[in-house]
Amino acid sequence: MNTISDLTQKIEDSLNSIRPYLEADGGNVKIHQVTEDHEVQLEFIGACGSCPMSTMTFKAGVEEAIRKAVPEVRSIKVINLTPVGH
């Protein structure tokens, strides 16, 4: 059984695989919280927090990387993601 710290480390490792791409555009992502129910809350920082492409970056990059590397995660959300068009 994975502990929260094990799960968090696996998520960090998966994020490290995509961080260079986020950093190249002046942004990054950090783990805000991992719950006992294996729900992950992330926070986009830097340019990623206000970029209109953040939703696509999250779905195609961040979420995919985590789901592929850490299949036991039940849900992933970004707490400061601004919906496109708002």
PDB file of N, CA and C in Angstrom:
ATOM      1  N   MET A   1       0.850  -1.188   0.000  1.00  0.00           N
ATOM      2  CA  MET A   1       0.000   0.000   0.000  1.00  0.00           C
ATOM      3  C   MET A   1       0.891   1.246   0.000  1.00  0.00           C
ATOM      4  N   ASN A   2       0.594   2.163  -0.865  1.00  0.00           N
ATOM      5  CA  ASN A   2       1.383   3.388  -0.947  1.00  0.00           C
ATOM      6  C   ASN A   2       1.003   4.363   0.158  1.00  0.00           C
ATOM      7  N   THR A   3       2.003   4.911   0.800  1.00  0.00           N
ATOM      8  CA  THR A   3       1.744   5.990   1.742  1.00  0.00           C
ATOM      9  C   THR A   3       1.621   7.288   0.956  1.00  0.00           C
ATOM     10  N   ILE A   4       1.091   8.307   1.603  1.00  0.00           N
ATOM     11  CA  ILE A   4       0.957   9.604   0.943  1.00  0.00           C
ATOM     12  C   ILE A   4       2.320  10.129   0.518  1.00  0.00           C
ATOM     13  N   SER A   5       3.349   9.924   1.345  1.00  0.00           N
ATOM     14  CA  SER A   5       4.681  10.425   0.970  1.00  0.00           C
ATOM     15  C   SER A   5       5.248   9.661  -0.221  1.00  0.00           C
ATOM     16  N   ASP A   6       4.993   8.346  -0.302  1.00  0.00           N
ATOM     17  CA  ASP A   6       5.418   7.566  -1.477  1.00  0.00           C
ATOM     18  C   ASP A   6       4.708   8.069  -2.733  1.00  0.00           C
ATOM     19  N   LEU A   7       3.418   8.272  -2.601  1.00  0.00           N
ATOM     20  CA  LEU A   7       2.613   8.746  -3.721  1.00  0.00           C
ATOM     21  C   LEU A   7       3.074  10.130  -4.157  1.00  0.00           C
ATOM     22  N   THR A   8       3.319  10.999  -3.183  1.00  0.00           N
ATOM     23  CA  THR A   8       3.778  12.351  -3.480  1.00  0.00           C
ATOM     24  C   THR A   8       5.119  12.317  -4.218  1.00  0.00           C
ATOM     25  N   GLN A   9       6.016  11.439  -3.792  1.00  0.00           N
ATOM     26  CA  GLN A   9       7.316  11.340  -4.456  1.00  0.00           C
ATOM     27  C   GLN A   9       7.171  10.851  -5.893  1.00  0.00           C
ATOM     28  N   LYS A  10       6.287   9.891  -6.109  1.00  0.00           N
ATOM     29  CA  LYS A  10       6.061   9.394  -7.473  1.00  0.00           C
ATOM     30  C   LYS A  10       5.474  10.490  -8.361  1.00  0.00           C
ATOM     31  N   ILE A  11       4.591  11.295  -7.784  1.00  0.00           N
ATOM     32  CA  ILE A  11       4.009  12.410  -8.538  1.00  0.00           C
ATOM     33  C   ILE A  11       5.083  13.446  -8.850  1.00  0.00           C
ATOM     34  N   GLU A  12       5.928  13.774  -7.857  1.00  0.00           N
ATOM     35  CA  GLU A  12       7.040  14.715  -8.084  1.00  0.00           C
ATOM     36  C   GLU A  12       7.938  14.214  -9.220  1.00  0.00           C
ATOM     37  N   ASP A  13       8.249  12.920  -9.191  1.00  0.00           N
ATOM     38  CA  ASP A  13       9.102  12.348 -10.228  1.00  0.00           C
ATOM     39  C   ASP A  13       8.457  12.502 -11.607  1.00  0.00           C
ATOM     40  N   SER A  14       7.143  12.268 -11.683  1.00  0.00           N
ATOM     41  CA  SER A  14       6.465  12.409 -12.974  1.00  0.00           C
ATOM     42  C   SER A  14       6.451  13.864 -13.425  1.00  0.00           C
ATOM     43  N   LEU A  15       6.286  14.787 -12.480  1.00  0.00           N
ATOM     44  CA  LEU A  15       6.306  16.212 -12.830  1.00  0.00           C
ATOM     45  C   LEU A  15       7.689  16.660 -13.279  1.00  0.00           C
ATOM     46  N   ASN A  16       8.724  16.080 -12.692  1.00  0.00           N
ATOM     47  CA  ASN A  16      10.091  16.434 -13.086  1.00  0.00           C
ATOM     48  C   ASN A  16      10.345  16.141 -14.558  1.00  0.00           C
ATOM     49  N   SER A  17       9.621  15.169 -15.116  1.00  0.00           N
ATOM     50  CA  SER A  17       9.811  14.831 -16.526  1.00  0.00           C
ATOM     51  C   SER A  17       9.277  15.911 -17.460  1.00  0.00           C
ATOM     52  N   ILE A  18       8.342  16.724 -16.977  1.00  0.00           N
ATOM     53  CA  ILE A  18       7.784  17.773 -17.844  1.00  0.00           C
ATOM     54  C   ILE A  18       8.171  19.180 -17.405  1.00  0.00           C
ATOM     55  N   ARG A  19       8.777  19.308 -16.240  1.00  0.00           N
ATOM     56  CA  ARG A  19       9.148  20.640 -15.740  1.00  0.00           C
ATOM     57  C   ARG A  19      10.032  21.432 -16.697  1.00  0.00           C
ATOM     58  N   PRO A  20      11.008  20.817 -17.375  1.00  0.00           N
ATOM     59  CA  PRO A  20      11.834  21.625 -18.292  1.00  0.00           C
ATOM     60  C   PRO A  20      11.009  22.355 -19.357  1.00  0.00           C
ATOM     61  N   TYR A  21       9.916  21.753 -19.799  1.00  0.00           N
ATOM     62  CA  TYR A  21       9.063  22.388 -20.811  1.00  0.00           C
ATOM     63  C   TYR A  21       8.297  23.563 -20.216  1.00  0.00           C
ATOM     64  N   LEU A  22       7.835  23.391 -18.980  1.00  0.00           N
ATOM     65  CA  LEU A  22       7.124  24.480 -18.305  1.00  0.00           C
ATOM     66  C   LEU A  22       8.085  25.625 -18.001  1.00  0.00           C
ATOM     67  N   GLU A  23       9.275  25.270 -17.520  1.00  0.00           N
ATOM     68  CA  GLU A  23      10.266  26.281 -17.159  1.00  0.00           C
ATOM     69  C   GLU A  23      10.743  27.057 -18.384  1.00  0.00           C
ATOM     70  N   ALA A  24      10.781  26.401 -19.541  1.00  0.00           N
ATOM     71  CA  ALA A  24      11.203  27.077 -20.770  1.00  0.00           C
ATOM     72  C   ALA A  24      10.256  28.223 -21.113  1.00  0.00           C
ATOM     73  N   ASP A  25       9.004  28.116 -20.676  1.00  0.00           N
ATOM     74  CA  ASP A  25       8.019  29.169 -20.918  1.00  0.00           C
ATOM     75  C   ASP A  25       7.808  30.058 -19.685  1.00  0.00           C
ATOM     76  N   GLY A  26       8.692  29.936 -18.691  1.00  0.00           N
ATOM     77  CA  GLY A  26       8.625  30.797 -17.520  1.00  0.00           C
ATOM     78  C   GLY A  26       7.647  30.354 -16.445  1.00  0.00           C
ATOM     79  N   GLY A  27       7.285  29.079 -16.462  1.00  0.00           N
ATOM     80  CA  GLY A  27       6.330  28.589 -15.469  1.00  0.00           C
ATOM     81  C   GLY A  27       6.811  27.340 -14.780  1.00  0.00           C
ATOM     82  N   ASN A  28       5.937  26.778 -13.970  1.00  0.00           N
ATOM     83  CA  ASN A  28       6.234  25.540 -13.268  1.00  0.00           C
ATOM     84  C   ASN A  28       4.937  25.049 -12.637  1.00  0.00           C
ATOM     85  N   VAL A  29       5.026  23.917 -11.987  1.00  0.00           N
ATOM     86  CA  VAL A  29       3.875  23.354 -11.292  1.00  0.00           C
ATOM     87  C   VAL A  29       4.372  22.789  -9.970  1.00  0.00           C
ATOM     88  N   LYS A  30       3.557  22.930  -8.926  1.00  0.00           N
ATOM     89  CA  LYS A  30       3.932  22.338  -7.647  1.00  0.00           C
ATOM     90  C   LYS A  30       2.732  21.596  -7.076  1.00  0.00           C
ATOM     91  N   ILE A  31       3.026  20.613  -6.253  1.00  0.00           N
ATOM     92  CA  ILE A  31       1.975  19.852  -5.593  1.00  0.00           C
ATOM     93  C   ILE A  31       1.458  20.687  -4.428  1.00  0.00           C
ATOM     94  N   HIS A  32       0.165  20.936  -4.427  1.00  0.00           N
ATOM     95  CA  HIS A  32      -0.467  21.662  -3.327  1.00  0.00           C
ATOM     96  C   HIS A  32      -0.876  20.683  -2.232  1.00  0.00           C
ATOM     97  N   GLN A  33      -1.468  19.539  -2.636  1.00  0.00           N
ATOM     98  CA  GLN A  33      -1.924  18.556  -1.667  1.00  0.00           C
ATOM     99  C   GLN A  33      -2.149  17.211  -2.347  1.00  0.00           C
ATOM    100  N   VAL A  34      -1.869  16.139  -1.612  1.00  0.00           N
ATOM    101  CA  VAL A  34      -2.244  14.788  -2.012  1.00  0.00           C
ATOM    102  C   VAL A  34      -3.067  14.236  -0.852  1.00  0.00           C
ATOM    103  N   THR A  35      -4.303  13.828  -1.139  1.00  0.00           N
ATOM    104  CA  THR A  35      -5.197  13.384  -0.070  1.00  0.00           C
ATOM    105  C   THR A  35      -5.094  11.878   0.140  1.00  0.00           C
ATOM    106  N   GLU A  36      -5.674  11.423   1.231  1.00  0.00           N
ATOM    107  CA  GLU A  36      -5.729   9.985   1.540  1.00  0.00           C
ATOM    108  C   GLU A  36      -6.488   9.217   0.463  1.00  0.00           C
ATOM    109  N   ASP A  37      -7.387   9.909  -0.236  1.00  0.00           N
ATOM    110  CA  ASP A  37      -8.183   9.284  -1.311  1.00  0.00           C
ATOM    111  C   ASP A  37      -7.457   9.297  -2.650  1.00  0.00           C
ATOM    112  N   HIS A  38      -6.171   9.641  -2.633  1.00  0.00           N
ATOM    113  CA  HIS A  38      -5.338   9.688  -3.839  1.00  0.00           C
ATOM    114  C   HIS A  38      -5.832  10.732  -4.833  1.00  0.00           C
ATOM    115  N   GLU A  39      -6.286  11.850  -4.298  1.00  0.00           N
ATOM    116  CA  GLU A  39      -6.642  12.988  -5.123  1.00  0.00           C
ATOM    117  C   GLU A  39      -5.511  14.001  -5.030  1.00  0.00           C
ATOM    118  N   VAL A  40      -5.122  14.534  -6.171  1.00  0.00           N
ATOM    119  CA  VAL A  40      -3.975  15.432  -6.250  1.00  0.00           C
ATOM    120  C   VAL A  40      -4.450  16.839  -6.580  1.00  0.00           C
ATOM    121  N   GLN A  41      -3.961  17.805  -5.818  1.00  0.00           N
ATOM    122  CA  GLN A  41      -4.201  19.209  -6.119  1.00  0.00           C
ATOM    123  C   GLN A  41      -2.862  19.836  -6.461  1.00  0.00           C
ATOM    124  N   LEU A  42      -2.818  20.450  -7.631  1.00  0.00           N
ATOM    125  CA  LEU A  42      -1.603  21.089  -8.112  1.00  0.00           C
ATOM    126  C   LEU A  42      -1.806  22.588  -8.181  1.00  0.00           C
ATOM    127  N   GLU A  43      -0.702  23.300  -8.246  1.00  0.00           N
ATOM    128  CA  GLU A  43      -0.754  24.748  -8.431  1.00  0.00           C
ATOM    129  C   GLU A  43       0.237  25.126  -9.519  1.00  0.00           C
ATOM    130  N   PHE A  44      -0.269  25.823 -10.547  1.00  0.00           N
ATOM    131  CA  PHE A  44       0.623  26.361 -11.562  1.00  0.00           C
ATOM    132  C   PHE A  44       1.255  27.620 -10.999  1.00  0.00           C
ATOM    133  N   ILE A  45       2.550  27.792 -11.228  1.00  0.00           N
ATOM    134  CA  ILE A  45       3.246  28.979 -10.742  1.00  0.00           C
ATOM    135  C   ILE A  45       3.971  29.659 -11.891  1.00  0.00           C
ATOM    136  N   GLY A  46       4.344  30.906 -11.683  1.00  0.00           N
ATOM    137  CA  GLY A  46       5.001  31.677 -12.735  1.00  0.00           C
ATOM    138  C   GLY A  46       4.045  31.936 -13.886  1.00  0.00           C
ATOM    139  N   ALA A  47       4.561  31.882 -15.086  1.00  0.00           N
ATOM    140  CA  ALA A  47       3.760  32.178 -16.273  1.00  0.00           C
ATOM    141  C   ALA A  47       2.607  31.195 -16.452  1.00  0.00           C
ATOM    142  N   CYS A  48       2.744  29.981 -15.936  1.00  0.00           N
ATOM    143  CA  CYS A  48       1.693  28.974 -16.110  1.00  0.00           C
ATOM    144  C   CYS A  48       0.404  29.357 -15.384  1.00  0.00           C
ATOM    145  N   GLY A  49       0.511  30.176 -14.345  1.00  0.00           N
ATOM    146  CA  GLY A  49      -0.669  30.561 -13.584  1.00  0.00           C
ATOM    147  C   GLY A  49      -1.625  31.450 -14.353  1.00  0.00           C
ATOM    148  N   SER A  50      -1.122  32.169 -15.337  1.00  0.00           N
ATOM    149  CA  SER A  50      -1.978  33.100 -16.077  1.00  0.00           C
ATOM    150  C   SER A  50      -1.991  32.844 -17.579  1.00  0.00           C
ATOM    151  N   CYS A  51      -1.299  31.819 -18.029  1.00  0.00           N
ATOM    152  CA  CYS A  51      -1.208  31.542 -19.462  1.00  0.00           C
ATOM    153  C   CYS A  51      -2.532  31.001 -19.997  1.00  0.00           C
ATOM    154  N   PRO A  52      -3.007  31.524 -21.126  1.00  0.00           N
ATOM    155  CA  PRO A  52      -4.258  31.017 -21.693  1.00  0.00           C
ATOM    156  C   PRO A  52      -4.153  29.559 -22.166  1.00  0.00           C
ATOM    157  N   MET A  53      -2.943  29.062 -22.327  1.00  0.00           N
ATOM    158  CA  MET A  53      -2.751  27.680 -22.765  1.00  0.00           C
ATOM    159  C   MET A  53      -2.645  26.709 -21.584  1.00  0.00           C
ATOM    160  N   SER A  54      -2.806  27.199 -20.351  1.00  0.00           N
ATOM    161  CA  SER A  54      -2.623  26.356 -19.176  1.00  0.00           C
ATOM    162  C   SER A  54      -3.552  25.156 -19.145  1.00  0.00           C
ATOM    163  N   THR A  55      -4.806  25.325 -19.585  1.00  0.00           N
ATOM    164  CA  THR A  55      -5.744  24.203 -19.588  1.00  0.00           C
ATOM    165  C   THR A  55      -5.228  23.097 -20.493  1.00  0.00           C
ATOM    166  N   MET A  56      -4.750  23.464 -21.672  1.00  0.00           N
ATOM    167  CA  MET A  56      -4.216  22.469 -22.599  1.00  0.00           C
ATOM    168  C   MET A  56      -2.933  21.858 -22.044  1.00  0.00           C
ATOM    169  N   THR A  57      -2.079  22.674 -21.466  1.00  0.00           N
ATOM    170  CA  THR A  57      -0.840  22.178 -20.853  1.00  0.00           C
ATOM    171  C   THR A  57      -1.163  21.172 -19.767  1.00  0.00           C
ATOM    172  N   PHE A  58      -2.161  21.478 -18.956  1.00  0.00           N
ATOM    173  CA  PHE A  58      -2.559  20.581 -17.875  1.00  0.00           C
ATOM    174  C   PHE A  58      -3.048  19.256 -18.442  1.00  0.00           C
ATOM    175  N   LYS A  59      -3.987  19.293 -19.375  1.00  0.00           N
ATOM    176  CA  LYS A  59      -4.588  18.062 -19.904  1.00  0.00           C
ATOM    177  C   LYS A  59      -3.570  17.227 -20.684  1.00  0.00           C
ATOM    178  N   ALA A  60      -2.850  17.854 -21.589  1.00  0.00           N
ATOM    179  CA  ALA A  60      -1.970  17.111 -22.496  1.00  0.00           C
ATOM    180  C   ALA A  60      -0.613  16.796 -21.891  1.00  0.00           C
ATOM    181  N   GLY A  61      -0.177  17.570 -20.920  1.00  0.00           N
ATOM    182  CA  GLY A  61       1.152  17.370 -20.367  1.00  0.00           C
ATOM    183  C   GLY A  61       1.156  16.869 -18.946  1.00  0.00           C
ATOM    184  N   VAL A  62       0.696  17.721 -18.055  1.00  0.00           N
ATOM    185  CA  VAL A  62       0.788  17.443 -16.626  1.00  0.00           C
ATOM    186  C   VAL A  62      -0.070  16.232 -16.234  1.00  0.00           C
ATOM    187  N   GLU A  63      -1.348  16.279 -16.586  1.00  0.00           N
ATOM    188  CA  GLU A  63      -2.249  15.189 -16.204  1.00  0.00           C
ATOM    189  C   GLU A  63      -1.806  13.863 -16.825  1.00  0.00           C
ATOM    190  N   GLU A  64      -1.441  13.895 -18.090  1.00  0.00           N
ATOM    191  CA  GLU A  64      -1.011  12.669 -18.771  1.00  0.00           C
ATOM    192  C   GLU A  64       0.243  12.084 -18.127  1.00  0.00           C
ATOM    193  N   ALA A  65       1.198  12.933 -17.787  1.00  0.00           N
ATOM    194  CA  ALA A  65       2.440  12.460 -17.161  1.00  0.00           C
ATOM    195  C   ALA A  65       2.158  11.793 -15.824  1.00  0.00           C
ATOM    196  N   ILE A  66       1.287  12.414 -15.021  1.00  0.00           N
ATOM    197  CA  ILE A  66       0.969  11.835 -13.712  1.00  0.00           C
ATOM    198  C   ILE A  66       0.209  10.527 -13.870  1.00  0.00           C
ATOM    199  N   ARG A  67      -0.814  10.513 -14.715  1.00  0.00           N
ATOM    200  CA  ARG A  67      -1.629   9.295 -14.881  1.00  0.00           C
ATOM    201  C   ARG A  67      -0.803   8.123 -15.407  1.00  0.00           C
ATOM    202  N   LYS A  68       0.137   8.411 -16.283  1.00  0.00           N
ATOM    203  CA  LYS A  68       0.980   7.359 -16.837  1.00  0.00           C
ATOM    204  C   LYS A  68       1.930   6.794 -15.780  1.00  0.00           C
ATOM    205  N   ALA A  69       2.511   7.663 -14.974  1.00  0.00           N
ATOM    206  CA  ALA A  69       3.510   7.251 -13.989  1.00  0.00           C
ATOM    207  C   ALA A  69       2.906   6.789 -12.666  1.00  0.00           C
ATOM    208  N   VAL A  70       1.731   7.306 -12.338  1.00  0.00           N
ATOM    209  CA  VAL A  70       1.125   7.027 -11.026  1.00  0.00           C
ATOM    210  C   VAL A  70      -0.361   6.678 -11.234  1.00  0.00           C
ATOM    211  N   PRO A  71      -0.639   5.475 -11.743  1.00  0.00           N
ATOM    212  CA  PRO A  71      -2.026   5.113 -12.080  1.00  0.00           C
ATOM    213  C   PRO A  71      -2.974   5.057 -10.890  1.00  0.00           C
ATOM    214  N   GLU A  72      -2.439   4.968  -9.678  1.00  0.00           N
ATOM    215  CA  GLU A  72      -3.315   4.900  -8.503  1.00  0.00           C
ATOM    216  C   GLU A  72      -3.945   6.247  -8.135  1.00  0.00           C
ATOM    217  N   VAL A  73      -3.518   7.331  -8.778  1.00  0.00           N
ATOM    218  CA  VAL A  73      -4.127   8.636  -8.544  1.00  0.00           C
ATOM    219  C   VAL A  73      -5.551   8.615  -9.099  1.00  0.00           C
ATOM    220  N   ARG A  74      -6.496   9.041  -8.269  1.00  0.00           N
ATOM    221  CA  ARG A  74      -7.908   9.007  -8.653  1.00  0.00           C
ATOM    222  C   ARG A  74      -8.353  10.262  -9.389  1.00  0.00           C
ATOM    223  N   SER A  75      -7.872  11.419  -8.959  1.00  0.00           N
ATOM    224  CA  SER A  75      -8.247  12.654  -9.638  1.00  0.00           C
ATOM    225  C   SER A  75      -7.119  13.666  -9.507  1.00  0.00           C
ATOM    226  N   ILE A  76      -7.070  14.564 -10.484  1.00  0.00           N
ATOM    227  CA  ILE A  76      -6.036  15.591 -10.521  1.00  0.00           C
ATOM    228  C   ILE A  76      -6.716  16.902 -10.872  1.00  0.00           C
ATOM    229  N   LYS A  77      -6.436  17.932 -10.074  1.00  0.00           N
ATOM    230  CA  LYS A  77      -6.956  19.244 -10.445  1.00  0.00           C
ATOM    231  C   LYS A  77      -5.931  20.306 -10.100  1.00  0.00           C
ATOM    232  N   VAL A  78      -6.022  21.392 -10.841  1.00  0.00           N
ATOM    233  CA  VAL A  78      -5.157  22.541 -10.587  1.00  0.00           C
ATOM    234  C   VAL A  78      -6.005  23.580  -9.876  1.00  0.00           C
ATOM    235  N   ILE A  79      -5.570  23.991  -8.690  1.00  0.00           N
ATOM    236  CA  ILE A  79      -6.403  24.866  -7.865  1.00  0.00           C
ATOM    237  C   ILE A  79      -6.469  26.295  -8.384  1.00  0.00           C
ATOM    238  N   ASN A  80      -5.514  26.704  -9.214  1.00  0.00           N
ATOM    239  CA  ASN A  80      -5.517  28.082  -9.701  1.00  0.00           C
ATOM    240  C   ASN A  80      -5.588  28.150 -11.226  1.00  0.00           C
ATOM    241  N   LEU A  81      -6.158  27.136 -11.843  1.00  0.00           N
ATOM    242  CA  LEU A  81      -6.280  27.116 -13.304  1.00  0.00           C
ATOM    243  C   LEU A  81      -7.417  28.036 -13.724  1.00  0.00           C
ATOM    244  N   THR A  82      -7.096  29.002 -14.594  1.00  0.00           N
ATOM    245  CA  THR A  82      -8.089  29.933 -15.085  1.00  0.00           C
ATOM    246  C   THR A  82      -8.724  29.346 -16.329  1.00  0.00           C
ATOM    247  N   PRO A  83     -10.042  29.137 -16.314  1.00  0.00           N
ATOM    248  CA  PRO A  83     -10.694  28.580 -17.494  1.00  0.00           C
ATOM    249  C   PRO A  83     -10.502  29.491 -18.704  1.00  0.00           C
ATOM    250  N   VAL A  84     -10.341  28.888 -19.860  1.00  0.00           N
ATOM    251  CA  VAL A  84     -10.157  29.640 -21.102  1.00  0.00           C
ATOM    252  C   VAL A  84     -11.405  30.465 -21.366  1.00  0.00           C
ATOM    253  N   GLY A  85     -11.207  31.725 -21.723  1.00  0.00           N
ATOM    254  CA  GLY A  85     -12.320  32.596 -22.033  1.00  0.00           C
ATOM    255  C   GLY A  85     -12.910  33.319 -20.832  1.00  0.00           C
ATOM    256  N   HIS A  86     -12.287  33.172 -19.670  1.00  0.00           N
ATOM    257  CA  HIS A  86     -12.795  33.848 -18.473  1.00  0.00           C
ATOM    258  C   HIS A  86     -11.776  34.826 -17.932  1.00  0.00           C
TER     259      HIS A  86
END
